[in-house]
Protein backbone atom coordinates (compact mmCIF):
# COMPACT_ATOMS: atom_id res chain seq x y z
CA UNK A 1 -85.36 -103.10 33.38
CA UNK A 2 -84.87 -102.17 37.03
CA UNK A 3 -86.17 -98.66 36.42
CA UNK A 4 -89.26 -100.01 34.66
CA UNK A 5 -89.77 -102.50 37.50
CA UNK A 6 -89.53 -99.77 40.13
CA UNK A 7 -91.78 -97.33 38.30
CA UNK A 8 -94.37 -99.88 37.19
CA UNK A 9 -94.53 -102.27 40.14
CA UNK A 10 -93.52 -100.10 43.07
CA UNK A 11 -94.78 -96.67 42.07
CA UNK A 12 -97.76 -97.88 40.02
CA UNK A 13 -97.07 -95.71 36.97
CA UNK A 14 -98.59 -96.55 33.58
CA UNK A 15 -96.48 -97.44 30.55
CA UNK A 16 -97.12 -93.97 29.08
CA UNK A 17 -96.01 -92.27 32.31
CA UNK A 18 -92.87 -94.42 32.46
CA UNK A 19 -92.07 -93.61 28.83
CA UNK A 20 -92.35 -89.89 29.54
CA UNK A 21 -90.30 -90.12 32.72
CA UNK A 22 -87.55 -92.20 31.06
CA UNK A 23 -87.71 -90.24 27.79
CA UNK A 24 -88.30 -93.35 25.70
CA UNK A 25 -91.13 -94.75 23.63
CA UNK A 26 -94.05 -96.78 25.01
CA UNK A 27 -93.07 -99.84 22.93
CA UNK A 28 -89.69 -99.88 24.73
CA UNK A 29 -91.50 -99.90 28.08
CA UNK A 30 -93.72 -102.76 26.89
CA UNK A 31 -90.64 -104.70 25.76
CA UNK A 32 -89.09 -104.23 29.22
CA UNK A 33 -92.33 -105.37 30.88
CA UNK A 34 -92.37 -108.45 28.65
CA UNK A 35 -88.76 -109.23 29.63
CA UNK A 36 -89.66 -108.78 33.30
CA UNK A 37 -92.62 -111.13 32.87
CA UNK A 38 -90.33 -113.77 31.36
CA UNK A 39 -87.58 -113.35 34.00
CA UNK A 40 -89.94 -113.21 36.99
CA UNK A 41 -92.31 -115.91 35.81
CA UNK A 42 -95.35 -113.75 36.59
CA UNK A 43 -97.08 -110.67 35.28
CA UNK A 44 -95.53 -107.45 36.63
CA UNK A 45 -99.08 -106.10 37.08
CA UNK A 46 -99.62 -108.82 39.71
CA UNK A 47 -96.63 -107.50 41.66
CA UNK A 48 -98.19 -104.06 42.13
CA UNK A 49 -100.15 -105.34 45.12
CA UNK A 50 -96.83 -106.08 46.84
CA UNK A 51 -95.35 -102.60 46.36
CA UNK A 52 -95.58 -101.72 50.06
CA UNK A 53 -93.79 -104.96 50.90
CA UNK A 54 -91.01 -104.15 48.38
CA UNK A 55 -90.56 -100.76 50.02
CA UNK A 56 -90.25 -102.38 53.46
CA UNK A 57 -87.61 -104.78 52.11
CA UNK A 58 -85.71 -101.92 50.51
CA UNK A 59 -85.79 -99.91 53.75
CA UNK A 60 -84.63 -102.87 55.83
CA UNK A 61 -81.71 -103.51 53.47
CA UNK A 62 -80.71 -99.85 53.63
CA UNK A 63 -80.73 -99.95 57.45
CA UNK A 64 -77.18 -99.47 58.78
CA UNK A 65 -77.72 -102.36 61.19
CA UNK A 66 -78.32 -104.73 58.25
CA UNK A 67 -74.56 -104.91 57.58
CA UNK A 68 -74.04 -106.73 60.87
CA UNK A 69 -76.66 -109.42 60.31
CA UNK A 70 -75.37 -112.96 59.92
CA UNK A 71 -77.54 -113.78 56.92
CA UNK A 72 -76.99 -117.55 56.86
CA UNK A 73 -77.89 -117.80 60.52
CA UNK A 74 -80.79 -115.37 60.19
CA UNK A 75 -82.33 -117.56 57.52
CA UNK A 76 -82.04 -120.57 59.85
CA UNK A 77 -83.08 -118.68 62.97
CA UNK A 78 -79.60 -118.31 64.46
CA UNK A 79 -79.21 -114.67 65.57
CA UNK A 80 -75.42 -114.48 65.78
CA UNK A 81 -73.67 -111.71 63.85
CA UNK A 82 -70.78 -112.18 61.43
CA UNK A 83 -68.56 -110.21 63.81
CA UNK A 84 -69.07 -112.67 66.69
CA UNK A 85 -66.24 -115.21 66.93
CA UNK A 86 -67.37 -118.76 67.61
């Protein structure tokens, strides 16, 4: 499902292109898209407009500095890192 999500929503490939790339049938791709629709609560086609945003999120999570972010505090606006003793 993740591969179909990435190829369909982020890269904008069609179901036929995904099937060729993944070496599976188009009905399998459609089944995955239906599962994604059910899990996400929205149509995967609607998520295509956010593909650039997904890429930015992915890049920020891959950033080596992201390991030192205090995520609870960052969500609340507190900028302290996990390594900082209090």
